[in-house]
């Protein structure tokens, strides 16, 4: 697949590689600071850590079958970033004296659904988790006074804000293979499933979200509002999906920017 820049997903490979080098230079957060959070917030972090964990073998195998070496390479780098998220969250839990979980029912459901599907449907399900994660990590970054937690959540959020346009670009190309009348119903169905998942997450994480200053209704409303931009990117001409960082709501990576410009879906592969 060749994008507007003439190099297709090689451009995304370079972005992932550049970010990998930046992480190496920056190093890890200062885990010695420790972390203090409400038990309900810790519970949410434990569940998201389960979702971020996984070896990515199923997704990588489907990317390989797509016969685009640049895309397959970018997917491997994407999976490595998600694995790093699981590592960061596990170390954050350790800094707060909390264990990781061996599993969670929501993650099991997502994994089983996606393994039954081809690449297009797997990415649609994955995007539900990514959009929900955007809103959760933004709340975790901005809703606590714990410096270590805010640092970790901000790092993960910055990565997720790149992941969404990456998947949008691939989904744009994939849906273009469908008859035109079928494309909008596919994305309408995707939004309905996203709404259902958002409601489950809002109920499951309600107390923790409130501790982060975010009510259940607001969480669902924000996730659904951001989904409109995802749908537009997936259905738009390719030139519109390849701009710099077209993330839902354009949320930035710092608390200061967030104030100025005032989406628990698991992502196990």
Protein backbone atom coordinates (compact mmCIF):
# COMPACT_ATOMS: atom_id res chain seq x y z
CA UNK A 1 0.00 0.00 0.00
CA UNK A 2 1.32 3.41 -0.95
CA UNK A 3 0.09 6.53 0.82
CA UNK A 4 0.20 10.19 -0.16
CA UNK A 5 3.82 10.49 0.80
CA UNK A 6 4.71 7.76 -1.69
CA UNK A 7 6.14 5.38 0.92
CA UNK A 8 2.99 3.91 2.46
CA UNK A 9 3.50 2.33 5.86
CA UNK A 10 7.26 2.81 5.71
CA UNK A 11 6.45 6.28 7.05
CA UNK A 12 4.75 4.72 10.07
CA UNK A 13 7.67 2.35 10.58
CA UNK A 14 10.00 5.34 10.80
CA UNK A 15 7.68 7.06 13.29
CA UNK A 16 7.59 3.98 15.52
CA UNK A 17 11.36 3.58 15.29
CA UNK A 18 11.93 7.24 16.10
CA UNK A 19 9.70 6.92 19.14
CA UNK A 20 11.53 3.78 20.24
CA UNK A 21 14.80 5.72 20.16
CA UNK A 22 13.24 8.63 22.04
CA UNK A 23 12.05 6.26 24.78
CA UNK A 24 15.52 4.79 25.04
CA UNK A 25 17.09 8.22 25.47
CA UNK A 26 14.43 9.38 27.94
CA UNK A 27 14.59 6.30 30.13
CA UNK A 28 12.01 5.08 32.62
CA UNK A 29 10.10 7.11 35.20
CA UNK A 30 11.56 7.34 38.68
CA UNK A 31 9.94 4.27 40.22
CA UNK A 32 11.53 5.01 43.58
CA UNK A 33 9.02 7.84 44.07
CA UNK A 34 6.33 5.27 44.74
CA UNK A 35 2.64 5.84 44.04
CA UNK A 36 -0.41 6.42 46.22
CA UNK A 37 -3.89 6.06 44.74
CA UNK A 38 -7.42 5.17 45.81
CA UNK A 39 -8.05 1.38 45.72
CA UNK A 40 -10.66 1.82 42.98
CA UNK A 41 -8.11 3.55 40.75
CA UNK A 42 -5.58 0.79 41.39
CA UNK A 43 -8.24 -1.73 40.39
CA UNK A 44 -8.73 0.01 37.06
CA UNK A 45 -5.00 0.11 36.38
CA UNK A 46 -4.76 -3.61 37.10
CA UNK A 47 -7.46 -4.37 34.51
CA UNK A 48 -5.92 -2.15 31.87
CA UNK A 49 -2.53 -3.74 32.49
CA UNK A 50 -4.03 -7.14 31.64
CA UNK A 51 -5.42 -5.71 28.41
CA UNK A 52 -2.10 -4.21 27.34
CA UNK A 53 -0.22 -7.46 27.91
CA UNK A 54 0.26 -10.12 25.22
CA UNK A 55 2.72 -11.29 22.57
CA UNK A 56 0.79 -9.99 19.56
CA UNK A 57 1.30 -13.20 17.59
CA UNK A 58 -2.24 -13.32 16.16
CA UNK A 59 -2.24 -9.73 14.93
CA UNK A 60 1.29 -10.03 13.54
CA UNK A 61 0.35 -13.19 11.61
CA UNK A 62 -2.62 -11.42 10.02
CA UNK A 63 -0.45 -8.41 9.15
CA UNK A 64 2.06 -10.74 7.49
CA UNK A 65 -0.73 -12.21 5.35
CA UNK A 66 -1.64 -8.70 4.17
CA UNK A 67 1.45 -8.89 1.90
CA UNK A 68 2.75 -5.43 2.80
CA UNK A 69 6.19 -5.78 4.47
CA UNK A 70 6.16 -2.15 5.65
CA UNK A 71 2.79 -2.61 7.33
CA UNK A 72 3.90 -5.89 8.92
CA UNK A 73 6.98 -4.17 10.32
CA UNK A 74 4.91 -1.27 11.66
CA UNK A 75 2.51 -3.72 13.35
CA UNK A 76 5.42 -5.40 15.12
CA UNK A 77 6.59 -2.02 16.40
CA UNK A 78 3.04 -1.19 17.48
CA UNK A 79 2.82 -4.45 19.44
CA UNK A 80 6.17 -3.67 21.08
CA UNK A 81 4.77 -0.33 22.27
CA UNK A 82 1.72 -2.04 23.74
CA UNK A 83 3.97 -4.51 25.52
CA UNK A 84 5.91 -1.57 26.91
CA UNK A 85 2.63 -0.14 28.20
CA UNK A 86 2.00 -3.41 30.06
CA UNK A 87 5.51 -3.21 31.51
CA UNK A 88 5.06 0.40 32.63
CA UNK A 89 1.72 -0.35 34.27
CA UNK A 90 3.13 -3.44 36.01
CA UNK A 91 5.99 -1.34 37.41
CA UNK A 92 3.54 1.38 38.46
CA UNK A 93 1.49 -1.23 40.31
CA UNK A 94 4.66 -2.51 41.98
CA UNK A 95 5.56 1.04 42.99
CA UNK A 96 2.21 1.21 44.78
CA UNK A 97 2.57 -2.23 46.34
CA UNK A 98 -0.12 -3.72 44.11
CA UNK A 99 0.03 -7.02 42.18
CA UNK A 100 -0.83 -7.56 38.54
CA UNK A 101 -3.83 -9.71 37.63
CA UNK A 102 -3.55 -13.02 35.81
CA UNK A 103 -6.56 -12.18 33.65
CA UNK A 104 -9.93 -10.41 33.37
CA UNK A 105 -13.17 -11.47 31.73
CA UNK A 106 -13.36 -8.43 29.42
CA UNK A 107 -9.91 -9.13 28.02
CA UNK A 108 -10.82 -12.78 27.42
CA UNK A 109 -13.92 -11.75 25.44
CA UNK A 110 -11.96 -9.32 23.27
CA UNK A 111 -9.21 -11.83 22.53
CA UNK A 112 -11.63 -14.61 21.56
CA UNK A 113 -13.64 -12.33 19.31
CA UNK A 114 -10.61 -11.01 17.48
CA UNK A 115 -9.01 -14.39 16.90
CA UNK A 116 -12.10 -15.50 14.98
CA UNK A 117 -11.79 -12.60 12.53
CA UNK A 118 -9.73 -11.44 9.60
CA UNK A 119 -7.48 -8.39 9.79
CA UNK A 120 -10.20 -5.84 8.99
CA UNK A 121 -12.60 -6.99 11.70
CA UNK A 122 -9.78 -7.52 14.18
CA UNK A 123 -8.67 -3.92 13.68
CA UNK A 124 -12.23 -2.67 14.13
CA UNK A 125 -12.46 -4.47 17.47
CA UNK A 126 -8.98 -3.29 18.42
CA UNK A 127 -9.96 0.29 17.64
CA UNK A 128 -12.77 0.07 20.18
CA UNK A 129 -10.19 -0.71 22.85
CA UNK A 130 -7.88 2.05 21.61
CA UNK A 131 -10.54 4.77 21.63
CA UNK A 132 -11.73 3.78 25.12
CA UNK A 133 -8.11 3.72 26.29
CA UNK A 134 -7.54 7.26 25.02
CA UNK A 135 -10.18 8.63 27.38
CA UNK A 136 -9.13 6.44 30.29
CA UNK A 137 -5.45 7.36 30.15
CA UNK A 138 -6.29 11.03 29.75
CA UNK A 139 -8.39 10.79 32.93
CA UNK A 140 -5.60 8.91 34.70
CA UNK A 141 -3.03 11.50 33.62
CA UNK A 142 -5.06 14.56 34.56
CA UNK A 143 -7.22 13.26 37.43
CA UNK A 144 -4.63 12.43 40.08
CA UNK A 145 -2.08 14.38 42.07
CA UNK A 146 0.28 11.39 42.10
CA UNK A 147 3.30 12.42 40.01
CA UNK A 148 4.43 8.94 39.03
CA UNK A 149 0.95 7.90 37.89
CA UNK A 150 0.56 11.06 35.82
CA UNK A 151 3.97 10.47 34.23
CA UNK A 152 3.19 6.87 33.27
CA UNK A 153 -0.31 7.69 31.99
CA UNK A 154 1.04 10.60 29.94
CA UNK A 155 3.62 8.38 28.25
CA UNK A 156 1.02 5.76 27.37
CA UNK A 157 -1.45 8.38 26.17
CA UNK A 158 1.15 9.88 23.82
CA UNK A 159 1.61 6.45 22.22
CA UNK A 160 -2.12 5.79 21.95
CA UNK A 161 -2.57 9.11 20.19
CA UNK A 162 -0.29 7.79 17.45
CA UNK A 163 -1.87 4.34 17.39
CA UNK A 164 -5.33 5.61 16.48
CA UNK A 165 -4.34 7.33 13.20
CA UNK A 166 -2.10 4.37 12.35
CA UNK A 167 -5.05 1.98 12.56
CA UNK A 168 -7.35 4.49 10.87
CA UNK A 169 -5.07 4.56 7.84
CA UNK A 170 -5.09 0.79 7.47
CA UNK A 171 -8.84 0.59 8.04
CA UNK A 172 -9.38 3.31 5.45
CA UNK A 173 -7.61 1.19 2.84
CA UNK A 174 -9.39 -1.97 3.99
CA UNK A 175 -12.89 -0.49 3.89
CA UNK A 176 -12.15 0.95 0.45
CA UNK A 177 -12.19 -2.67 -0.76
CA UNK A 178 -15.86 -2.95 0.21
CA UNK A 179 -18.74 -1.71 -1.97
CA UNK A 180 -19.31 1.96 -1.22
CA UNK A 181 -22.86 1.46 0.18
CA UNK A 182 -21.49 -0.98 2.78
CA UNK A 183 -18.85 1.28 4.29
CA UNK A 184 -20.98 3.60 6.38
CA UNK A 185 -23.13 0.78 7.83
CA UNK A 186 -19.91 -0.97 8.91
CA UNK A 187 -18.76 2.10 10.81
CA UNK A 188 -22.25 2.72 12.21
CA UNK A 189 -22.19 -0.82 13.61
CA UNK A 190 -18.72 -0.14 14.99
CA UNK A 191 -20.02 2.90 16.86
CA UNK A 192 -22.89 0.88 18.34
CA UNK A 193 -20.44 -1.72 19.62
CA UNK A 194 -18.22 1.06 20.95
CA UNK A 195 -21.21 2.49 22.83
CA UNK A 196 -21.95 -0.91 24.39
CA UNK A 197 -18.33 -1.37 25.46
CA UNK A 198 -18.15 2.18 26.83
CA UNK A 199 -21.21 1.56 28.96
CA UNK A 200 -19.70 -1.64 30.35
CA UNK A 201 -16.44 0.14 31.13
CA UNK A 202 -18.29 3.04 32.75
CA UNK A 203 -20.14 0.64 35.06
CA UNK A 204 -17.10 -1.53 35.75
CA UNK A 205 -14.81 1.44 36.46
CA UNK A 206 -17.36 3.90 37.78
CA UNK A 207 -15.88 4.43 41.24
CA UNK A 208 -12.35 4.74 39.92
CA UNK A 209 -13.43 7.19 37.21
CA UNK A 210 -15.21 9.34 39.79
CA UNK A 211 -12.00 9.40 41.85
CA UNK A 212 -10.30 10.74 38.72
CA UNK A 213 -12.91 13.48 38.35
CA UNK A 214 -14.85 11.82 35.55
CA UNK A 215 -18.44 10.65 35.90
CA UNK A 216 -19.83 7.64 34.08
CA UNK A 217 -22.03 9.66 31.73
CA UNK A 218 -19.26 12.06 30.86
CA UNK A 219 -16.89 9.18 30.15
CA UNK A 220 -19.33 7.57 27.71
CA UNK A 221 -20.19 10.90 26.11
CA UNK A 222 -16.53 11.78 25.58
CA UNK A 223 -15.72 8.40 24.08
CA UNK A 224 -18.64 8.62 21.66
CA UNK A 225 -17.80 12.19 20.70
CA UNK A 226 -14.24 11.19 19.85
CA UNK A 227 -15.50 8.28 17.75
CA UNK A 228 -16.95 10.66 15.20
CA UNK A 229 -13.47 11.77 14.20
CA UNK A 230 -12.36 8.16 13.87
CA UNK A 231 -15.28 7.40 11.55
CA UNK A 232 -14.50 10.48 9.47
CA UNK A 233 -10.85 9.48 9.15
CA UNK A 234 -11.67 5.91 8.14
CA UNK A 235 -14.24 6.97 5.53
CA UNK A 236 -12.40 10.06 4.23
CA UNK A 237 -10.15 10.24 1.16
CA UNK A 238 -6.72 8.82 1.99
CA UNK A 239 -5.07 12.24 1.83
CA UNK A 240 -7.17 13.30 4.84
CA UNK A 241 -6.20 10.30 6.95
CA UNK A 242 -2.45 10.82 6.54
CA UNK A 243 -2.08 14.19 8.23
CA UNK A 244 -0.04 14.67 11.37
CA UNK A 245 -1.56 12.91 14.38
CA UNK A 246 -5.30 13.02 13.55
CA UNK A 247 -6.32 11.79 17.01
CA UNK A 248 -9.86 12.03 18.40
CA UNK A 249 -10.49 15.51 19.79
CA UNK A 250 -6.84 16.40 19.15
CA UNK A 251 -5.97 15.89 22.81
CA UNK A 252 -2.42 16.81 23.62
CA UNK A 253 0.21 15.04 25.68
CA UNK A 254 0.69 17.53 28.52
CA UNK A 255 -1.51 18.74 31.32
CA UNK A 256 -0.86 22.36 30.36
CA UNK A 257 -1.98 21.83 26.77
CA UNK A 258 -5.01 19.91 27.96
CA UNK A 259 -6.05 22.84 30.13
CA UNK A 260 -5.65 25.22 27.21
CA UNK A 261 -7.64 23.18 24.77
CA UNK A 262 -10.07 22.24 27.38
CA UNK A 263 -10.89 8.04 23.88
CA UNK A 264 -11.49 -0.52 29.80
CA UNK A 265 -10.94 -1.98 26.62
CA UNK A 266 -8.19 -4.57 26.65
CA UNK A 267 -5.61 -4.53 23.88
CA UNK A 268 -4.08 -7.94 24.37
CA UNK A 269 -3.13 -9.31 20.96
